[in-house]
Amino acid sequence: MDIATVLTIIISLVALILGIAGWLSTRDSKTDKDAEWKGTVNAKLDTIISLNAEVSNAKNRIQDHETRICILEKEVNKKE
């Protein structure tokens, strides 16, 4: 093998190693960013779910109040 071929192979191997190292570091940072984003989304979804439960409880309370008011109105109308 001549010197030019050996240099070409060495340069190619160095470029390959640098390319793989760059790809791995980029992949790790993307994974970290995705994990952070997904964590934020999950926290927001948990908040929405808890708010949904609170709204559902409030609707049930309103329904109970409506029932009680209807009963009271019937009693008042009977006395009149």
Protein backbone atom coordinates (compact mmCIF):
# COMPACT_ATOMS: atom_id res chain seq x y z
CA MET A 1 0.00 0.00 0.00
CA ASP A 2 1.23 3.38 -0.74
CA ILE A 3 1.32 6.36 1.70
CA ALA A 4 -1.68 8.14 0.11
CA THR A 5 -3.89 5.10 0.63
CA VAL A 6 -2.80 4.72 4.26
CA LEU A 7 -3.42 8.44 4.93
CA THR A 8 -6.83 8.20 3.28
CA ILE A 9 -7.76 5.22 5.46
CA ILE A 10 -6.55 6.97 8.65
CA ILE A 11 -8.42 10.18 7.79
CA SER A 12 -11.54 8.16 7.00
CA LEU A 13 -11.35 6.33 10.34
CA VAL A 14 -10.85 9.60 12.26
CA ALA A 15 -13.81 11.15 10.44
CA LEU A 16 -15.91 8.07 11.20
CA ILE A 17 -15.05 8.22 14.90
CA LEU A 18 -15.76 11.97 15.05
CA GLY A 19 -19.05 11.48 13.22
CA ILE A 20 -20.20 8.74 15.58
CA ALA A 21 -19.16 10.79 18.64
CA GLY A 22 -21.06 13.83 17.34
CA TRP A 23 -24.12 11.73 16.59
CA LEU A 24 -24.08 10.18 20.08
CA SER A 25 -23.77 13.55 21.83
CA THR A 26 -26.58 15.04 19.72
CA ARG A 27 -28.76 12.01 20.37
CA ASP A 28 -28.22 12.31 24.14
CA SER A 29 -29.12 16.00 24.18
CA LYS A 30 -32.23 15.34 22.09
CA THR A 31 -33.23 12.57 24.49
CA ASP A 32 -32.80 14.92 27.46
CA LYS A 33 -34.88 17.62 25.78
CA ASP A 34 -37.59 15.11 24.84
CA ALA A 35 -37.69 13.80 28.41
CA GLU A 36 -38.01 17.34 29.76
CA TRP A 37 -40.77 18.16 27.26
CA LYS A 38 -42.66 14.96 28.03
CA GLY A 39 -42.35 15.63 31.76
CA THR A 40 -43.83 19.09 31.27
CA VAL A 41 -46.67 17.72 29.18
CA ASN A 42 -47.40 15.00 31.74
CA ALA A 43 -47.49 17.57 34.54
CA LYS A 44 -49.92 19.72 32.56
CA LEU A 45 -52.10 16.69 31.79
CA ASP A 46 -52.16 15.76 35.48
CA THR A 47 -53.29 19.29 36.29
CA ILE A 48 -56.03 19.12 33.66
CA ILE A 49 -57.21 15.75 34.93
CA SER A 50 -57.41 17.03 38.51
CA LEU A 51 -59.30 20.11 37.31
CA ASN A 52 -61.67 17.85 35.40
CA ALA A 53 -62.38 15.90 38.60
CA GLU A 54 -63.01 19.13 40.50
CA VAL A 55 -65.42 20.36 37.81
CA SER A 56 -67.23 17.04 37.92
CA ASN A 57 -67.60 17.32 41.70
CA ALA A 58 -68.89 20.88 41.33
CA LYS A 59 -71.46 19.72 38.76
CA ASN A 60 -72.66 17.03 41.18
CA ARG A 61 -73.00 19.59 43.98
CA ILE A 62 -74.97 21.91 41.70
CA GLN A 63 -77.27 19.04 40.77
CA ASP A 64 -77.81 18.29 44.47
CA HIS A 65 -78.62 21.96 45.12
CA GLU A 66 -81.07 22.00 42.21
CA THR A 67 -82.84 18.96 43.63
CA ARG A 68 -83.06 20.51 47.09
CA ILE A 69 -84.33 23.81 45.67
CA CYS A 70 -87.02 22.00 43.66
CA ILE A 71 -88.18 20.18 46.79
CA LEU A 72 -88.30 23.44 48.73
CA GLU A 73 -90.21 25.19 45.94
CA LYS A 74 -92.79 22.39 45.93
CA GLU A 75 -93.22 22.70 49.67
CA VAL A 76 -93.62 26.48 49.44
CA ASN A 77 -96.15 26.13 46.61
CA LYS A 78 -98.18 23.61 48.69
CA LYS A 79 -98.38 26.06 51.61
CA GLU A 80 -99.56 28.91 49.39
